Amino acid sequence: MKPCNLVIIMSDEHDPRFMSHMGHPRVQTPNLDRLAARGTSFTSSYTNCPICVPARASFATGRYVHDNGYWDNAIAWDGKVKGWPNRLQEEGLHNATIGKLHYRLPEDPYGIDQQIEPMHIYGGTGMVWGSQRDPLPDIRGSFRMLKEIGPGESGYNRYDWRIADASSAWLQKAARLDHPHPWVLYIGFVAPHFPLVAPQKYFDPYPLEDMPFPKLHPRDGYKRHPWVEDHARFTQTDDQFTNEQQRMLAIAAYHALCTFLDEQIGKVLDKMDQTGLADTTRIIYTSDHGDNVGARGMWGKSVLYEEASRIPMIISGPDVPQGLTVATPTTLVDIYPTVIDGVGLDLTEEEEVTLPGRSLFDLAKQSEDPDRPALSEYHAIGSNSAAFMLRKGRYKYHYYVGHVPELFDLETDPEETTDLAHDSSNIETLANFEHLLRSIVDPEDVDQRAKADQRALIESYGGWEKARKFGAPGATPAPGAGFE
């Protein structure tokens, strides 16, 4: 494969099933659909952690969370563990970023040559209160992610508009310059991340009467897994609704934000077509994690179910098969070797040994491997113990430290409505999955390591009572805006 420029587009909180080409019956995403038609879609892709900051650290470093130690939204990538931008810079290949990164501080040694309108964790500290997990504090419902819902404009909307414009301008300039080597541009949008607010025109295609009530809602008798129940009681997001109309409006808002995001991505794709860069540049589209959108009475991310752990993964451009879908499981750690491969470099011997990922460009050209395992894990806000997910073949396995596991057959039950872990006929399958998990990581040891690091962080701020008031009270505001 010949070396090419590379554009990486990352959204925030995008469940890949909310795209037209993935079969969604309502959501309109014409630009992502044309990107998929021009390239290859990986239909079994997962985040390595269903919350922003650790997921983005795995994306940058190519390492699992239990390996790089960036556990939660207050312990962000700081460049101490090297990432693919460092490698590009060392090789003399220009790389730039525009938009949301959610690393620690702009001045940290990431290897990024140019940061345009970067969004990092708030004050370099992030959500310190979320690091208190052992035990979980009694601050239930204080994180009101659903306090703003409906038509309007949010700071994130305005930020994404600026990111689309800045990206178009950067690409216009890049097309005029004679670069001797391939360059890499990362573009970070915030949508469809809450607040669930978008201009009215994006709501128009999604009348409230067309919105389905969330599946597996506790009001209908569904019993959540004990680990999930503890998390739900801590966050109390669904309890913030005062009526059904508001809940339907929230679901419509997520639809609207997906279409809003699609329009911003369309501006980038149009500029690449207009400048001729589409002929010399490959594109990766992905997201840091998904969103529950009310399933099981949950909103946001932070659990291992498909809604929160699945992510989009589309590649396109020169030498990429067009109109192809690939069922081989992939995760964000595959981005590192993909970047290195795409610009014409080889992994070093150390990278070959220590990085678990593989180039998506290679995986797109090989026979499907549905038995390739995909790992996700969670050690962050609202969890009283570590949680691990393995996807392999038709099954998806959830291991919760101190709790019973879950097992789902995604071939017959893609919505994960029936937990098979209690069925005695699945004893061998459960044992095989636990053996596979323990061949990758020691769950109990990692749980203790994460909690030790988080306790040390809380203590560094003078203990819990002081730490709970320090850092970001909610989601990081857009540059130039306050908390919404």
Protein backbone atom coordinates (compact mmCIF):
# COMPACT_ATOMS: atom_id res chain seq x y z
CA MET A 1 0.00 0.00 0.00
CA LYS A 2 1.45 3.34 -1.02
CA PRO A 3 2.01 6.04 1.64
CA CYS A 4 -0.76 8.66 1.73
CA ASN A 5 -1.93 11.61 3.75
CA LEU A 6 -4.39 10.66 6.48
CA VAL A 7 -7.42 12.45 7.96
CA ILE A 8 -8.80 10.99 11.18
CA ILE A 9 -12.27 12.18 12.19
CA MET A 10 -13.44 11.36 15.70
CA SER A 11 -16.86 12.16 17.10
CA ASP A 12 -17.96 11.79 20.71
CA GLU A 13 -20.56 9.33 21.95
CA HIS A 14 -21.77 8.00 18.58
CA ASP A 15 -23.51 4.63 18.62
CA PRO A 16 -22.75 3.36 15.08
CA ARG A 17 -26.23 1.93 14.70
CA PHE A 18 -27.47 5.53 14.46
CA MET A 19 -26.42 5.77 10.81
CA SER A 20 -28.49 5.14 7.71
CA HIS A 21 -26.10 2.67 6.13
CA MET A 22 -26.11 0.63 9.33
CA GLY A 23 -29.84 0.10 8.88
CA HIS A 24 -31.28 2.66 11.27
CA PRO A 25 -34.93 3.25 10.30
CA ARG A 26 -34.97 6.98 11.02
CA VAL A 27 -31.56 8.65 11.38
CA GLN A 28 -30.37 10.52 8.28
CA THR A 29 -26.59 10.45 7.76
CA PRO A 30 -26.00 10.92 4.01
CA ASN A 31 -22.36 11.99 4.35
CA LEU A 32 -21.30 9.09 6.54
CA ASP A 33 -23.22 6.85 4.16
CA ARG A 34 -21.21 8.10 1.18
CA LEU A 35 -17.98 7.70 3.16
CA ALA A 36 -18.92 4.07 3.84
CA ALA A 37 -19.84 3.54 0.18
CA ARG A 38 -16.40 4.80 -0.83
CA GLY A 39 -14.59 2.59 1.63
CA THR A 40 -14.76 -0.22 4.20
CA SER A 41 -16.93 -0.36 7.31
CA PHE A 42 -16.00 -2.52 10.29
CA THR A 43 -19.31 -3.58 11.78
CA SER A 44 -18.03 -5.06 15.07
CA SER A 45 -15.90 -2.23 16.44
CA TYR A 46 -15.62 -1.35 20.10
CA THR A 47 -14.17 1.28 22.35
CA ASN A 48 -11.47 0.16 24.79
CA CYS A 49 -13.28 2.06 27.53
CA PRO A 50 -16.84 3.46 27.45
CA ILE A 51 -15.96 6.92 28.74
CA CYS A 52 -14.14 9.78 27.02
CA VAL A 53 -10.69 10.29 28.52
CA PRO A 54 -9.48 6.67 28.89
CA ALA A 55 -10.89 5.79 25.45
CA ARG A 56 -8.93 8.63 23.87
CA ALA A 57 -5.77 7.60 25.69
CA SER A 58 -6.07 4.11 24.18
CA PHE A 59 -6.75 5.70 20.79
CA ALA A 60 -3.54 7.75 21.06
CA THR A 61 -1.20 5.22 22.68
CA GLY A 62 -2.46 2.01 21.07
CA ARG A 63 -2.54 0.40 24.52
CA TYR A 64 -5.30 -0.96 26.72
CA VAL A 65 -6.36 1.10 29.74
CA HIS A 66 -4.89 -1.43 32.18
CA ASP A 67 -1.56 -1.05 30.34
CA ASN A 68 -1.31 2.73 29.97
CA GLY A 69 -2.89 3.59 33.37
CA TYR A 70 -5.15 6.41 32.19
CA TRP A 71 -8.10 5.21 34.23
CA ASP A 72 -10.77 7.89 34.25
CA ASN A 73 -11.80 11.43 33.34
CA ALA A 74 -9.29 12.95 35.76
CA ILE A 75 -6.27 10.87 34.69
CA ALA A 76 -5.71 11.90 31.08
CA TRP A 77 -3.05 11.19 28.50
CA ASP A 78 -0.06 13.42 29.25
CA GLY A 79 2.42 12.11 26.70
CA LYS A 80 4.42 10.09 29.23
CA VAL A 81 3.28 6.93 27.47
CA LYS A 82 4.25 7.52 23.86
CA GLY A 83 1.56 7.65 21.19
CA TRP A 84 1.38 7.62 17.43
CA PRO A 85 1.78 11.43 17.21
CA ASN A 86 5.13 11.08 18.99
CA ARG A 87 6.21 8.47 16.45
CA LEU A 88 5.14 10.65 13.52
CA GLN A 89 7.04 13.63 14.89
CA GLU A 90 10.15 11.53 15.45
CA GLU A 91 9.95 10.43 11.81
CA GLY A 92 9.60 14.02 10.61
CA LEU A 93 5.98 13.64 9.45
CA HIS A 94 3.77 16.64 10.13
CA ASN A 95 0.68 15.99 12.24
CA ALA A 96 -1.94 18.49 13.35
CA THR A 97 -5.15 18.43 15.37
CA ILE A 98 -8.31 20.51 15.16
CA GLY A 99 -10.95 20.24 17.88
CA LYS A 100 -11.64 17.97 20.82
CA LEU A 101 -8.77 15.81 22.06
CA HIS A 102 -9.50 15.40 25.79
CA TYR A 103 -5.87 14.90 26.71
CA ARG A 104 -4.37 16.65 29.76
CA LEU A 105 -2.78 19.99 28.80
CA PRO A 106 -1.86 21.58 25.45
CA GLU A 107 1.79 21.84 26.42
CA ASP A 108 2.28 18.15 27.28
CA PRO A 109 4.71 16.19 25.05
CA TYR A 110 2.25 14.49 22.70
CA GLY A 111 4.31 14.92 19.55
CA ILE A 112 1.58 17.05 17.97
CA ASP A 113 3.04 19.73 15.71
CA GLN A 114 -0.02 21.99 15.61
CA GLN A 115 -3.11 22.14 17.85
CA ILE A 116 -5.99 24.28 16.58
CA GLU A 117 -8.83 25.06 19.01
CA PRO A 118 -7.93 22.09 21.21
CA MET A 119 -10.31 20.92 23.94
CA HIS A 120 -8.49 19.15 26.75
CA ILE A 121 -9.77 18.13 30.18
CA TYR A 122 -10.88 21.10 32.25
CA GLY A 123 -7.91 22.89 33.81
CA GLY A 124 -5.72 19.85 33.24
CA THR A 125 -7.56 18.17 36.14
CA GLY A 126 -10.90 17.00 34.74
CA MET A 127 -13.56 15.32 36.88
CA VAL A 128 -11.64 14.70 40.09
CA TRP A 129 -14.81 13.76 41.96
CA GLY A 130 -15.28 10.84 39.58
CA SER A 131 -12.08 9.22 40.85
CA GLN A 132 -13.71 8.46 44.22
CA ARG A 133 -14.85 4.86 43.76
CA ASP A 134 -13.85 2.93 46.86
CA PRO A 135 -16.43 3.43 48.25
CA LEU A 136 -18.71 5.33 45.88
CA PRO A 137 -19.67 8.63 47.50
CA ASP A 138 -23.25 9.64 48.18
CA ILE A 139 -23.53 12.41 45.59
CA ARG A 140 -26.20 10.75 43.51
CA GLY A 141 -27.83 12.70 40.72
CA SER A 142 -25.49 15.69 41.03
CA PHE A 143 -24.17 15.24 37.49
CA ARG A 144 -27.15 16.49 35.53
CA MET A 145 -26.25 15.61 31.95
CA LEU A 146 -29.89 15.92 30.88
CA LYS A 147 -30.70 19.35 32.27
CA GLU A 148 -30.83 20.90 28.78
CA ILE A 149 -32.83 19.16 26.05
CA GLY A 150 -34.42 20.40 22.84
CA PRO A 151 -34.06 22.83 19.93
CA GLY A 152 -31.57 25.64 20.34
CA GLU A 153 -27.82 26.18 20.22
CA SER A 154 -25.27 24.88 22.67
CA GLY A 155 -21.63 25.81 23.11
CA TYR A 156 -20.78 22.42 21.66
CA ASN A 157 -22.83 23.12 18.51
CA ARG A 158 -20.99 26.39 17.98
CA TYR A 159 -17.66 24.68 18.64
CA ASP A 160 -18.36 21.96 16.08
CA TRP A 161 -19.24 24.59 13.49
CA ARG A 162 -15.89 26.25 14.14
CA ILE A 163 -14.09 22.90 13.90
CA ALA A 164 -15.69 22.15 10.53
CA ASP A 165 -14.71 25.60 9.22
CA ALA A 166 -11.15 25.38 10.59
CA SER A 167 -10.73 21.90 9.10
CA SER A 168 -11.91 23.09 5.69
CA ALA A 169 -9.47 26.00 5.81
CA TRP A 170 -6.59 23.72 6.87
CA LEU A 171 -7.32 21.29 4.04
CA GLN A 172 -7.59 24.11 1.51
CA LYS A 173 -4.13 25.30 2.51
CA ALA A 174 -2.67 21.78 2.60
CA ALA A 175 -3.85 21.16 -0.95
CA ARG A 176 -1.79 24.14 -2.18
CA LEU A 177 1.42 23.09 -0.47
CA ASP A 178 3.90 20.58 -1.86
CA HIS A 179 4.45 18.30 1.13
CA PRO A 180 7.49 16.02 0.66
CA HIS A 181 6.02 13.44 3.04
CA PRO A 182 2.51 12.37 4.07
CA TRP A 183 0.80 14.41 6.77
CA VAL A 184 -1.83 13.40 9.33
CA LEU A 185 -4.74 15.63 10.37
CA TYR A 186 -6.94 14.71 13.32
CA ILE A 187 -10.39 16.37 13.51
CA GLY A 188 -12.35 16.08 16.75
CA PHE A 189 -16.09 16.86 16.85
CA VAL A 190 -18.15 16.80 20.05
CA ALA A 191 -21.57 15.77 18.69
CA PRO A 192 -23.62 13.74 19.45
CA HIS A 193 -22.40 14.20 23.05
CA PHE A 194 -24.87 15.85 25.43
CA PRO A 195 -26.22 18.47 26.08
CA LEU A 196 -29.03 17.14 23.93
CA VAL A 197 -29.43 20.44 22.09
CA ALA A 198 -29.31 21.22 18.36
CA PRO A 199 -30.84 23.83 16.05
CA GLN A 200 -34.50 23.29 15.17
CA LYS A 201 -33.85 22.19 11.58
CA TYR A 202 -32.09 19.06 12.81
CA PHE A 203 -35.15 18.13 14.90
CA ASP A 204 -37.59 18.56 12.02
CA PRO A 205 -37.07 15.06 10.52
CA TYR A 206 -37.69 13.42 13.90
CA PRO A 207 -41.21 14.04 15.27
CA LEU A 208 -41.63 12.89 18.86
CA GLU A 209 -44.45 10.50 17.96
CA ASP A 210 -41.94 8.51 15.87
CA MET A 211 -39.55 8.01 18.79
CA PRO A 212 -39.63 4.52 20.35
CA PHE A 213 -39.70 4.07 24.11
CA PRO A 214 -36.28 2.79 25.29
CA LYS A 215 -35.85 -0.97 25.46
CA LEU A 216 -35.49 -2.92 28.70
CA HIS A 217 -36.64 -0.06 30.90
CA PRO A 218 -36.91 -0.88 34.61
CA ARG A 219 -40.45 0.54 34.74
CA ASP A 220 -41.48 -2.43 32.55
CA GLY A 221 -40.06 -4.96 34.99
CA TYR A 222 -36.52 -5.29 33.64
CA LYS A 223 -33.97 -6.07 36.38
CA ARG A 224 -30.55 -4.53 35.84
CA HIS A 225 -27.35 -6.42 36.60
CA PRO A 226 -26.23 -5.53 40.17
CA TRP A 227 -23.10 -3.68 38.95
CA VAL A 228 -25.20 -1.72 36.46
CA GLU A 229 -27.87 -1.05 39.09
CA ASP A 230 -25.26 0.46 41.41
CA HIS A 231 -24.03 2.69 38.60
CA ALA A 232 -27.58 3.75 37.70
CA ARG A 233 -28.37 4.62 41.32
CA PHE A 234 -25.22 6.74 41.45
CA THR A 235 -25.87 8.72 38.26
CA GLN A 236 -29.69 8.79 38.39
CA THR A 237 -29.83 10.16 34.86
CA ASP A 238 -33.18 8.66 33.86
CA ASP A 239 -34.71 9.89 37.12
CA GLN A 240 -34.15 13.45 35.93
CA PHE A 241 -37.07 13.19 33.50
CA THR A 242 -40.34 14.62 34.79
CA ASN A 243 -42.56 13.24 32.03
CA GLU A 244 -42.58 10.95 28.97
CA GLN A 245 -42.61 13.89 26.55
CA GLN A 246 -39.22 14.95 27.87
CA ARG A 247 -37.80 11.46 27.45
CA MET A 248 -39.01 11.28 23.84
CA LEU A 249 -37.53 14.74 23.22
CA ALA A 250 -34.16 13.47 24.50
CA ILE A 251 -34.24 10.54 22.08
CA ALA A 252 -35.18 12.87 19.20
CA ALA A 253 -32.31 15.15 20.23
CA TYR A 254 -29.80 12.32 19.90
CA HIS A 255 -31.15 11.65 16.40
CA ALA A 256 -30.83 15.37 15.61
CA LEU A 257 -27.26 15.54 16.87
CA CYS A 258 -26.27 12.57 14.71
CA THR A 259 -27.57 14.41 11.66
CA PHE A 260 -25.90 17.63 12.83
CA LEU A 261 -22.60 15.74 13.14
CA ASP A 262 -23.09 14.21 9.70
CA GLU A 263 -23.48 17.67 8.17
CA GLN A 264 -20.19 18.86 9.72
CA ILE A 265 -18.38 15.77 8.43
CA GLY A 266 -19.93 16.45 5.03
CA LYS A 267 -18.20 19.86 4.97
CA VAL A 268 -14.85 18.13 5.44
CA LEU A 269 -15.56 15.54 2.75
CA ASP A 270 -16.75 18.23 0.33
CA LYS A 271 -13.56 20.24 0.83
CA MET A 272 -11.44 17.16 0.18
CA ASP A 273 -13.35 16.50 -3.03
CA GLN A 274 -13.08 20.13 -4.15
CA THR A 275 -9.33 20.32 -3.57
CA GLY A 276 -8.46 16.91 -5.01
CA LEU A 277 -7.21 15.67 -1.64
CA ALA A 278 -9.70 12.82 -1.76
CA ASP A 279 -7.46 11.21 -4.40
CA THR A 280 -4.32 11.36 -2.25
CA THR A 281 -5.67 11.08 1.29
CA ARG A 282 -7.16 8.26 3.31
CA ILE A 283 -9.85 8.86 5.91
CA ILE A 284 -10.69 7.13 9.18
CA TYR A 285 -13.98 7.86 10.92
CA THR A 286 -14.58 6.64 14.46
CA SER A 287 -15.89 7.72 17.87
CA ASP A 288 -14.60 7.38 21.41
CA HIS A 289 -17.64 5.35 22.58
CA GLY A 290 -21.40 5.13 22.14
CA ASP A 291 -24.46 6.23 24.14
CA ASN A 292 -27.21 4.30 25.92
CA VAL A 293 -29.94 6.72 24.74
CA GLY A 294 -32.28 5.47 27.46
CA ALA A 295 -31.78 1.71 27.08
CA ARG A 296 -32.12 -0.02 30.47
CA GLY A 297 -32.95 3.38 31.96
CA MET A 298 -29.39 4.58 31.24
CA TRP A 299 -28.08 7.69 29.47
CA GLY A 300 -24.56 8.56 28.44
CA LYS A 301 -22.00 5.76 28.44
CA SER A 302 -20.08 3.91 31.21
CA VAL A 303 -21.54 0.41 30.72
CA LEU A 304 -20.46 -2.49 28.51
CA TYR A 305 -23.62 -3.06 26.47
CA GLU A 306 -23.61 -2.55 22.71
CA GLU A 307 -25.17 0.92 22.95
CA ALA A 308 -22.25 2.32 24.93
CA SER A 309 -19.33 0.12 23.87
CA ARG A 310 -19.86 -0.12 20.10
CA ILE A 311 -18.25 2.52 17.88
CA PRO A 312 -18.23 3.36 14.18
CA MET A 313 -15.09 2.44 12.23
CA ILE A 314 -14.92 3.42 8.57
CA ILE A 315 -11.82 3.72 6.38
CA SER A 316 -11.68 5.04 2.84
CA GLY A 317 -9.30 6.40 0.24
CA PRO A 318 -6.60 5.06 -2.09
CA ASP A 319 -6.14 1.27 -1.98
CA VAL A 320 -9.09 0.77 0.40
CA PRO A 321 -11.80 -1.65 -0.81
CA GLN A 322 -15.01 0.21 -1.64
CA GLY A 323 -18.47 -0.68 -0.37
CA LEU A 324 -17.10 -3.46 1.83
CA THR A 325 -18.31 -4.42 5.29
CA VAL A 326 -16.03 -6.46 7.55
CA ALA A 327 -17.22 -8.34 10.64
CA THR A 328 -13.74 -8.77 12.16
CA PRO A 329 -13.86 -7.16 15.62
CA THR A 330 -11.71 -4.05 15.97
CA THR A 331 -11.06 -1.46 18.69
CA LEU A 332 -9.43 1.92 19.16
CA VAL A 333 -6.02 0.35 19.84
CA ASP A 334 -5.98 -0.60 16.15
CA ILE A 335 -5.65 3.07 15.21
CA TYR A 336 -1.95 3.28 16.15
CA PRO A 337 -0.73 0.60 13.71
CA THR A 338 -3.24 1.89 11.13
CA VAL A 339 -1.68 5.36 11.21
CA ILE A 340 1.84 3.99 10.99
CA ASP A 341 0.89 1.72 8.10
CA GLY A 342 -1.06 4.40 6.26
CA VAL A 343 1.80 6.88 6.07
CA GLY A 344 4.27 4.25 4.88
CA LEU A 345 6.16 3.45 8.09
CA ASP A 346 6.77 0.14 9.80
CA LEU A 347 6.19 -0.62 13.45
CA THR A 348 9.39 -0.81 15.46
CA GLU A 349 10.35 -4.13 17.06
CA GLU A 350 9.16 -2.79 20.42
CA GLU A 351 5.83 -1.69 18.95
CA GLU A 352 5.35 -5.06 17.31
CA VAL A 353 5.76 -6.75 20.69
CA THR A 354 3.91 -4.34 22.99
CA LEU A 355 1.00 -3.01 20.93
CA PRO A 356 -2.06 -5.28 20.70
CA GLY A 357 -3.61 -3.65 17.63
CA ARG A 358 -3.39 -4.31 13.91
CA SER A 359 -3.67 -2.07 10.88
CA LEU A 360 -7.24 -1.64 9.69
CA PHE A 361 -5.91 -1.38 6.15
CA ASP A 362 -4.53 -4.90 6.48
CA LEU A 363 -7.67 -6.24 8.14
CA ALA A 364 -9.81 -4.83 5.32
CA LYS A 365 -7.92 -6.91 2.75
CA GLN A 366 -7.81 -10.19 4.64
CA SER A 367 -10.43 -12.84 5.23
CA GLU A 368 -12.86 -11.98 7.99
CA ASP A 369 -11.88 -13.20 11.44
CA PRO A 370 -14.96 -13.02 13.69
CA ASP A 371 -13.06 -14.86 16.42
CA ARG A 372 -10.56 -12.03 16.85
CA PRO A 373 -11.17 -10.88 20.45
CA ALA A 374 -12.07 -7.26 21.26
CA LEU A 375 -11.46 -5.96 24.79
CA SER A 376 -13.07 -3.08 26.64
CA GLU A 377 -12.80 -2.17 30.32
CA TYR A 378 -14.13 0.41 32.78
CA HIS A 379 -12.61 1.85 35.97
CA ALA A 380 -14.24 5.26 36.09
CA ILE A 381 -17.14 7.36 37.36
CA GLY A 382 -19.90 5.51 39.18
CA SER A 383 -18.31 2.06 39.25
CA ASN A 384 -17.67 0.24 42.50
CA SER A 385 -15.38 -2.28 40.79
CA ALA A 386 -13.68 -2.92 37.48
CA ALA A 387 -15.71 -4.20 34.53
CA PHE A 388 -14.33 -5.98 31.46
CA MET A 389 -15.91 -6.91 28.12
CA LEU A 390 -14.77 -9.47 25.57
CA ARG A 391 -16.35 -9.86 22.15
CA LYS A 392 -15.35 -13.03 20.34
CA GLY A 393 -17.33 -14.71 17.61
CA ARG A 394 -21.07 -14.65 18.25
CA TYR A 395 -20.70 -14.10 21.99
CA LYS A 396 -20.14 -11.07 24.18
CA TYR A 397 -18.93 -11.58 27.75
CA HIS A 398 -19.00 -9.13 30.65
CA TYR A 399 -16.85 -9.74 33.74
CA TYR A 400 -17.53 -7.59 36.80
CA VAL A 401 -15.07 -7.85 39.70
CA GLY A 402 -17.05 -8.99 42.73
CA HIS A 403 -20.23 -9.69 40.73
CA VAL A 404 -21.66 -12.41 38.51
CA PRO A 405 -20.79 -12.22 34.78
CA GLU A 406 -23.08 -11.69 31.80
CA LEU A 407 -23.10 -13.54 28.47
CA PHE A 408 -24.98 -12.62 25.30
CA ASP A 409 -25.34 -14.33 21.93
CA LEU A 410 -25.24 -11.40 19.50
CA GLU A 411 -26.12 -13.65 16.58
CA THR A 412 -29.55 -14.53 17.95
CA ASP A 413 -29.94 -11.62 20.39
CA PRO A 414 -28.21 -8.48 19.00
CA GLU A 415 -30.10 -6.25 21.47
CA GLU A 416 -28.72 -8.17 24.49
CA THR A 417 -32.14 -8.83 25.96
CA THR A 418 -31.33 -12.26 27.41
CA ASP A 419 -28.38 -12.94 29.72
CA LEU A 420 -27.21 -16.51 29.11
CA ALA A 421 -24.77 -16.63 32.04
CA HIS A 422 -27.39 -18.31 34.25
CA ASP A 423 -27.96 -21.15 31.79
CA SER A 424 -26.06 -24.26 32.87
CA SER A 425 -25.51 -25.20 29.22
CA ASN A 426 -23.14 -22.23 28.90
CA ILE A 427 -20.74 -23.20 31.72
CA GLU A 428 -17.99 -24.15 29.27
CA THR A 429 -18.44 -20.97 27.21
CA LEU A 430 -18.19 -18.85 30.36
CA ALA A 431 -15.09 -20.71 31.50
CA ASN A 432 -13.44 -20.24 28.11
CA PHE A 433 -14.15 -16.53 28.15
CA GLU A 434 -12.81 -16.10 31.67
CA HIS A 435 -9.67 -18.01 30.68
CA LEU A 436 -9.23 -15.77 27.65
CA LEU A 437 -9.73 -12.64 29.73
CA ARG A 438 -7.18 -13.76 32.31
CA SER A 439 -4.69 -14.51 29.55
CA ILE A 440 -4.85 -10.79 28.71
CA VAL A 441 -5.30 -9.19 32.12
CA ASP A 442 -5.70 -10.02 35.81
CA PRO A 443 -9.05 -8.33 36.56
CA GLU A 444 -8.70 -8.24 40.35
CA ASP A 445 -5.14 -6.93 40.24
CA VAL A 446 -6.07 -4.21 37.78
CA ASP A 447 -9.07 -3.23 39.90
CA GLN A 448 -6.78 -2.69 42.87
CA ARG A 449 -4.18 -0.80 40.82
CA ALA A 450 -6.78 1.57 39.41
CA LYS A 451 -8.28 2.25 42.82
CA ALA A 452 -4.84 2.82 44.35
CA ASP A 453 -3.98 5.41 41.70
CA GLN A 454 -7.36 7.08 42.18
CA ARG A 455 -7.00 7.15 45.96
CA ALA A 456 -3.57 8.75 45.54
CA LEU A 457 -5.09 11.37 43.25
CA ILE A 458 -7.85 12.19 45.77
CA GLU A 459 -5.29 12.42 48.58
CA SER A 460 -3.10 14.74 46.49
CA TYR A 461 -5.97 17.24 46.55
CA GLY A 462 -6.27 17.03 50.33
CA GLY A 463 -8.82 14.25 50.70
CA TRP A 464 -12.34 13.62 49.48
CA GLU A 465 -14.11 16.69 50.87
CA LYS A 466 -11.66 19.01 49.13
CA ALA A 467 -11.24 16.93 46.00
CA ARG A 468 -14.98 16.71 45.33
CA LYS A 469 -15.05 20.49 44.82
CA PHE A 470 -12.00 20.55 42.58
CA GLY A 471 -11.90 20.29 38.81
CA ALA A 472 -14.82 20.02 36.40
CA PRO A 473 -18.36 19.74 37.82
CA GLY A 474 -19.58 18.38 34.49
CA ALA A 475 -18.56 17.77 30.88
CA THR A 476 -15.62 19.88 29.69
CA PRO A 477 -16.89 23.15 28.20
CA ALA A 478 -15.93 24.18 24.70
CA PRO A 479 -13.02 26.63 24.51
CA GLY A 480 -14.34 30.11 25.26
CA ALA A 481 -17.56 28.81 26.85
CA GLY A 482 -18.60 27.98 30.39
CA PHE A 483 -20.35 24.95 31.84
CA GLU A 484 -23.87 24.44 30.49
